[in-house]
Amino acid sequence: MNKSKILLIAAGVAVGGILGYLYYYFVGCDSGNCSITSNPYRSSAYGMLLGGLASDILPKKKK
């Protein structure tokens, strides 16, 4: 894995974490019954996971 791919995945993780927290903040569950959206740490971690996975499947640039 080259350096640019690692930076792309790290950026995806960071953006996913921010989006996960924003999802908790604006949409989150108040009752506590929602396992992911009722806790900001879980929501952010789930967003980080999805962001990292999404940035990893981006197609490679052809040289």
PDB file of N, CA and C in Angstrom:
ATOM      1  N   MET A   1       0.850  -1.167   0.000  1.00  0.00           N
ATOM      2  CA  MET A   1       0.000   0.000   0.000  1.00  0.00           C
ATOM      3  C   MET A   1       0.903   1.240   0.000  1.00  0.00           C
ATOM      4  N   ASN A   2       0.611   2.162  -0.912  1.00  0.00           N
ATOM      5  CA  ASN A   2       1.450   3.349  -0.978  1.00  0.00           C
ATOM      6  C   ASN A   2       0.928   4.454  -0.059  1.00  0.00           C
ATOM      7  N   LYS A   3       1.717   5.515   0.036  1.00  0.00           N
ATOM      8  CA  LYS A   3       1.423   6.580   0.979  1.00  0.00           C
ATOM      9  C   LYS A   3       0.130   7.325   0.635  1.00  0.00           C
ATOM     10  N   SER A   4      -0.131   7.529  -0.647  1.00  0.00           N
ATOM     11  CA  SER A   4      -1.337   8.260  -1.036  1.00  0.00           C
ATOM     12  C   SER A   4      -2.601   7.472  -0.696  1.00  0.00           C
ATOM     13  N   LYS A   5      -2.538   6.146  -0.811  1.00  0.00           N
ATOM     14  CA  LYS A   5      -3.701   5.315  -0.464  1.00  0.00           C
ATOM     15  C   LYS A   5      -3.975   5.374   1.036  1.00  0.00           C
ATOM     16  N   ILE A   6      -2.918   5.369   1.837  1.00  0.00           N
ATOM     17  CA  ILE A   6      -3.071   5.460   3.295  1.00  0.00           C
ATOM     18  C   ILE A   6      -3.671   6.815   3.683  1.00  0.00           C
ATOM     19  N   LEU A   7      -3.209   7.886   3.041  1.00  0.00           N
ATOM     20  CA  LEU A   7      -3.756   9.210   3.329  1.00  0.00           C
ATOM     21  C   LEU A   7      -5.215   9.315   2.910  1.00  0.00           C
ATOM     22  N   LEU A   8      -5.575   8.681   1.808  1.00  0.00           N
ATOM     23  CA  LEU A   8      -6.960   8.682   1.349  1.00  0.00           C
ATOM     24  C   LEU A   8      -7.864   7.951   2.349  1.00  0.00           C
ATOM     25  N   ILE A   9      -7.402   6.826   2.849  1.00  0.00           N
ATOM     26  CA  ILE A   9      -8.188   6.080   3.836  1.00  0.00           C
ATOM     27  C   ILE A   9      -8.293   6.868   5.140  1.00  0.00           C
ATOM     28  N   ALA A  10      -7.196   7.516   5.560  1.00  0.00           N
ATOM     29  CA  ALA A  10      -7.224   8.324   6.786  1.00  0.00           C
ATOM     30  C   ALA A  10      -8.194   9.496   6.642  1.00  0.00           C
ATOM     31  N   ALA A  11      -8.231  10.109   5.471  1.00  0.00           N
ATOM     32  CA  ALA A  11      -9.181  11.195   5.240  1.00  0.00           C
ATOM     33  C   ALA A  11     -10.612  10.668   5.276  1.00  0.00           C
ATOM     34  N   GLY A  12     -10.831   9.484   4.716  1.00  0.00           N
ATOM     35  CA  GLY A  12     -12.154   8.882   4.761  1.00  0.00           C
ATOM     36  C   GLY A  12     -12.595   8.578   6.182  1.00  0.00           C
ATOM     37  N   VAL A  13     -11.675   8.109   6.993  1.00  0.00           N
ATOM     38  CA  VAL A  13     -11.983   7.822   8.402  1.00  0.00           C
ATOM     39  C   VAL A  13     -12.335   9.112   9.141  1.00  0.00           C
ATOM     40  N   ALA A  14     -11.576  10.175   8.890  1.00  0.00           N
ATOM     41  CA  ALA A  14     -11.838  11.447   9.563  1.00  0.00           C
ATOM     42  C   ALA A  14     -13.185  12.031   9.151  1.00  0.00           C
ATOM     43  N   VAL A  15     -13.457  12.046   7.856  1.00  0.00           N
ATOM     44  CA  VAL A  15     -14.736  12.577   7.366  1.00  0.00           C
ATOM     45  C   VAL A  15     -15.895  11.710   7.859  1.00  0.00           C
ATOM     46  N   GLY A  16     -15.709  10.398   7.866  1.00  0.00           N
ATOM     47  CA  GLY A  16     -16.749   9.507   8.363  1.00  0.00           C
ATOM     48  C   GLY A  16     -17.047   9.723   9.837  1.00  0.00           C
ATOM     49  N   GLY A  17     -16.017   9.969  10.628  1.00  0.00           N
ATOM     50  CA  GLY A  17     -16.225  10.237  12.043  1.00  0.00           C
ATOM     51  C   GLY A  17     -17.013  11.518  12.278  1.00  0.00           C
ATOM     52  N   ILE A  18     -16.682  12.540  11.506  1.00  0.00           N
ATOM     53  CA  ILE A  18     -17.414  13.805  11.623  1.00  0.00           C
ATOM     54  C   ILE A  18     -18.867  13.627  11.196  1.00  0.00           C
ATOM     55  N   LEU A  19     -19.069  12.939  10.081  1.00  0.00           N
ATOM     56  CA  LEU A  19     -20.440  12.711   9.616  1.00  0.00           C
ATOM     57  C   LEU A  19     -21.226  11.825  10.578  1.00  0.00           C
ATOM     58  N   GLY A  20     -20.557  10.858  11.195  1.00  0.00           N
ATOM     59  CA  GLY A  20     -21.226  10.017  12.187  1.00  0.00           C
ATOM     60  C   GLY A  20     -21.675  10.812  13.398  1.00  0.00           C
ATOM     61  N   TYR A  21     -20.833  11.730  13.855  1.00  0.00           N
ATOM     62  CA  TYR A  21     -21.221  12.565  14.988  1.00  0.00           C
ATOM     63  C   TYR A  21     -22.359  13.503  14.608  1.00  0.00           C
ATOM     64  N   LEU A  22     -22.278  14.072  13.403  1.00  0.00           N
ATOM     65  CA  LEU A  22     -23.353  14.957  12.957  1.00  0.00           C
ATOM     66  C   LEU A  22     -24.673  14.208  12.831  1.00  0.00           C
ATOM     67  N   TYR A  23     -24.600  12.967  12.411  1.00  0.00           N
ATOM     68  CA  TYR A  23     -25.816  12.148  12.347  1.00  0.00           C
ATOM     69  C   TYR A  23     -26.384  11.952  13.750  1.00  0.00           C
ATOM     70  N   TYR A  24     -25.530  11.674  14.717  1.00  0.00           N
ATOM     71  CA  TYR A  24     -25.987  11.540  16.108  1.00  0.00           C
ATOM     72  C   TYR A  24     -26.621  12.849  16.584  1.00  0.00           C
ATOM     73  N   TYR A  25     -25.980  13.965  16.289  1.00  0.00           N
ATOM     74  CA  TYR A  25     -26.423  15.259  16.797  1.00  0.00           C
ATOM     75  C   TYR A  25     -27.768  15.678  16.220  1.00  0.00           C
ATOM     76  N   PHE A  26     -27.943  15.501  14.912  1.00  0.00           N
ATOM     77  CA  PHE A  26     -29.155  15.988  14.271  1.00  0.00           C
ATOM     78  C   PHE A  26     -30.275  14.947  14.183  1.00  0.00           C
ATOM     79  N   VAL A  27     -29.938  13.658  14.079  1.00  0.00           N
ATOM     80  CA  VAL A  27     -30.947  12.628  13.876  1.00  0.00           C
ATOM     81  C   VAL A  27     -31.065  11.703  15.078  1.00  0.00           C
ATOM     82  N   GLY A  28     -30.044  11.627  15.906  1.00  0.00           N
ATOM     83  CA  GLY A  28     -29.928  10.660  16.984  1.00  0.00           C
ATOM     84  C   GLY A  28     -31.199  10.332  17.751  1.00  0.00           C
ATOM     85  N   CYS A  29     -31.165   9.238  18.440  1.00  0.00           N
ATOM     86  CA  CYS A  29     -32.309   8.702  19.165  1.00  0.00           C
ATOM     87  C   CYS A  29     -32.279   9.204  20.615  1.00  0.00           C
ATOM     88  N   ASP A  30     -33.345   9.838  21.053  1.00  0.00           N
ATOM     89  CA  ASP A  30     -33.413  10.375  22.416  1.00  0.00           C
ATOM     90  C   ASP A  30     -33.785   9.322  23.455  1.00  0.00           C
ATOM     91  N   SER A  31     -34.492   8.307  23.036  1.00  0.00           N
ATOM     92  CA  SER A  31     -34.995   7.335  24.002  1.00  0.00           C
ATOM     93  C   SER A  31     -33.907   6.389  24.513  1.00  0.00           C
ATOM     94  N   GLY A  32     -32.825   6.243  23.771  1.00  0.00           N
ATOM     95  CA  GLY A  32     -31.767   5.327  24.179  1.00  0.00           C
ATOM     96  C   GLY A  32     -31.954   3.914  23.664  1.00  0.00           C
ATOM     97  N   ASN A  33     -33.012   3.668  22.913  1.00  0.00           N
ATOM     98  CA  ASN A  33     -33.256   2.333  22.377  1.00  0.00           C
ATOM     99  C   ASN A  33     -32.464   2.041  21.115  1.00  0.00           C
ATOM    100  N   CYS A  34     -32.009   3.066  20.451  1.00  0.00           N
ATOM    101  CA  CYS A  34     -31.232   2.885  19.219  1.00  0.00           C
ATOM    102  C   CYS A  34     -29.780   2.619  19.607  1.00  0.00           C
ATOM    103  N   SER A  35     -29.271   1.478  19.227  1.00  0.00           N
ATOM    104  CA  SER A  35     -27.944   1.088  19.710  1.00  0.00           C
ATOM    105  C   SER A  35     -26.819   1.932  19.118  1.00  0.00           C
ATOM    106  N   ILE A  36     -26.961   2.419  17.915  1.00  0.00           N
ATOM    107  CA  ILE A  36     -25.886   3.194  17.296  1.00  0.00           C
ATOM    108  C   ILE A  36     -26.090   4.691  17.510  1.00  0.00           C
ATOM    109  N   THR A  37     -27.268   5.196  17.218  1.00  0.00           N
ATOM    110  CA  THR A  37     -27.469   6.641  17.215  1.00  0.00           C
ATOM    111  C   THR A  37     -27.750   7.250  18.584  1.00  0.00           C
ATOM    112  N   SER A  38     -27.878   6.462  19.620  1.00  0.00           N
ATOM    113  CA  SER A  38     -28.126   7.031  20.943  1.00  0.00           C
ATOM    114  C   SER A  38     -26.832   7.401  21.659  1.00  0.00           C
ATOM    115  N   ASN A  39     -25.697   6.998  21.139  1.00  0.00           N
ATOM    116  CA  ASN A  39     -24.412   7.246  21.766  1.00  0.00           C
ATOM    117  C   ASN A  39     -23.487   7.916  20.752  1.00  0.00           C
ATOM    118  N   PRO A  40     -22.915   9.101  21.075  1.00  0.00           N
ATOM    119  CA  PRO A  40     -22.071   9.785  20.093  1.00  0.00           C
ATOM    120  C   PRO A  40     -20.797   9.015  19.757  1.00  0.00           C
ATOM    121  N   TYR A  41     -20.280   8.242  20.692  1.00  0.00           N
ATOM    122  CA  TYR A  41     -19.053   7.482  20.430  1.00  0.00           C
ATOM    123  C   TYR A  41     -19.316   6.342  19.446  1.00  0.00           C
ATOM    124  N   ARG A  42     -20.415   5.662  19.625  1.00  0.00           N
ATOM    125  CA  ARG A  42     -20.758   4.572  18.702  1.00  0.00           C
ATOM    126  C   ARG A  42     -21.083   5.113  17.323  1.00  0.00           C
ATOM    127  N   SER A  43     -21.813   6.194  17.283  1.00  0.00           N
ATOM    128  CA  SER A  43     -22.181   6.782  16.003  1.00  0.00           C
ATOM    129  C   SER A  43     -20.939   7.262  15.250  1.00  0.00           C
ATOM    130  N   SER A  44     -20.016   7.880  15.960  1.00  0.00           N
ATOM    131  CA  SER A  44     -18.770   8.340  15.334  1.00  0.00           C
ATOM    132  C   SER A  44     -17.916   7.168  14.885  1.00  0.00           C
ATOM    133  N   ALA A  45     -17.824   6.137  15.701  1.00  0.00           N
ATOM    134  CA  ALA A  45     -17.026   4.962  15.337  1.00  0.00           C
ATOM    135  C   ALA A  45     -17.611   4.253  14.125  1.00  0.00           C
ATOM    136  N   TYR A  46     -18.923   4.161  14.064  1.00  0.00           N
ATOM    137  CA  TYR A  46     -19.579   3.540  12.918  1.00  0.00           C
ATOM    138  C   TYR A  46     -19.334   4.373  11.654  1.00  0.00           C
ATOM    139  N   GLY A  47     -19.391   5.692  11.795  1.00  0.00           N
ATOM    140  CA  GLY A  47     -19.099   6.573  10.673  1.00  0.00           C
ATOM    141  C   GLY A  47     -17.653   6.451  10.222  1.00  0.00           C
ATOM    142  N   MET A  48     -16.734   6.309  11.176  1.00  0.00           N
ATOM    143  CA  MET A  48     -15.325   6.138  10.830  1.00  0.00           C
ATOM    144  C   MET A  48     -15.101   4.832  10.073  1.00  0.00           C
ATOM    145  N   LEU A  49     -15.751   3.789  10.516  1.00  0.00           N
ATOM    146  CA  LEU A  49     -15.627   2.502   9.833  1.00  0.00           C
ATOM    147  C   LEU A  49     -16.157   2.593   8.408  1.00  0.00           C
ATOM    148  N   LEU A  50     -17.332   3.163   8.251  1.00  0.00           N
ATOM    149  CA  LEU A  50     -17.915   3.283   6.919  1.00  0.00           C
ATOM    150  C   LEU A  50     -17.105   4.225   6.033  1.00  0.00           C
ATOM    151  N   GLY A  51     -16.584   5.308   6.605  1.00  0.00           N
ATOM    152  CA  GLY A  51     -15.761   6.227   5.833  1.00  0.00           C
ATOM    153  C   GLY A  51     -14.472   5.588   5.358  1.00  0.00           C
ATOM    154  N   GLY A  52     -13.842   4.800   6.227  1.00  0.00           N
ATOM    155  CA  GLY A  52     -12.621   4.093   5.832  1.00  0.00           C
ATOM    156  C   GLY A  52     -12.882   3.055   4.759  1.00  0.00           C
ATOM    157  N   LEU A  53     -13.967   2.321   4.909  1.00  0.00           N
ATOM    158  CA  LEU A  53     -14.307   1.315   3.897  1.00  0.00           C
ATOM    159  C   LEU A  53     -14.677   1.959   2.566  1.00  0.00           C
ATOM    160  N   ALA A  54     -15.427   3.045   2.621  1.00  0.00           N
ATOM    161  CA  ALA A  54     -15.840   3.716   1.392  1.00  0.00           C
ATOM    162  C   ALA A  54     -14.643   4.314   0.653  1.00  0.00           C
ATOM    163  N   SER A  55     -13.700   4.873   1.378  1.00  0.00           N
ATOM    164  CA  SER A  55     -12.534   5.453   0.713  1.00  0.00           C
ATOM    165  C   SER A  55     -11.590   4.371   0.200  1.00  0.00           C
ATOM    166  N   ASP A  56     -11.653   3.195   0.763  1.00  0.00           N
ATOM    167  CA  ASP A  56     -10.782   2.111   0.320  1.00  0.00           C
ATOM    168  C   ASP A  56     -11.264   1.491  -0.988  1.00  0.00           C
ATOM    169  N   ILE A  57     -12.551   1.572  -1.281  1.00  0.00           N
ATOM    170  CA  ILE A  57     -13.055   0.940  -2.498  1.00  0.00           C
ATOM    171  C   ILE A  57     -13.048   1.881  -3.697  1.00  0.00           C
ATOM    172  N   LEU A  58     -12.572   3.114  -3.516  1.00  0.00           N
ATOM    173  CA  LEU A  58     -12.487   4.033  -4.643  1.00  0.00           C
ATOM    174  C   LEU A  58     -11.547   3.458  -5.690  1.00  0.00           C
ATOM    175  N   PRO A  59     -11.868   3.632  -6.950  1.00  0.00           N
ATOM    176  CA  PRO A  59     -11.020   3.057  -8.013  1.00  0.00           C
ATOM    177  C   PRO A  59      -9.653   3.745  -8.061  1.00  0.00           C
ATOM    178  N   LYS A  60      -8.655   2.973  -8.432  1.00  0.00           N
ATOM    179  CA  LYS A  60      -7.303   3.505  -8.556  1.00  0.00           C
ATOM    180  C   LYS A  60      -7.178   4.291  -9.853  1.00  0.00           C
ATOM    181  N   LYS A  61      -6.348   5.313  -9.834  1.00  0.00           N
ATOM    182  CA  LYS A  61      -6.080   6.070 -11.036  1.00  0.00           C
ATOM    183  C   LYS A  61      -5.117   5.289 -11.924  1.00  0.00           C
ATOM    184  N   LYS A  62      -5.409   5.252 -13.190  1.00  0.00           N
ATOM    185  CA  LYS A  62      -4.529   4.578 -14.121  1.00  0.00           C
ATOM    186  C   LYS A  62      -3.402   5.511 -14.529  1.00  0.00           C
ATOM    187  N   LYS A  63      -2.232   4.952 -14.644  1.00  0.00           N
ATOM    188  CA  LYS A  63      -1.072   5.772 -15.028  1.00  0.00           C
ATOM    189  C   LYS A  63      -0.925   5.832 -16.528  1.00  0.00           C
TER     190      LYS A  63
END
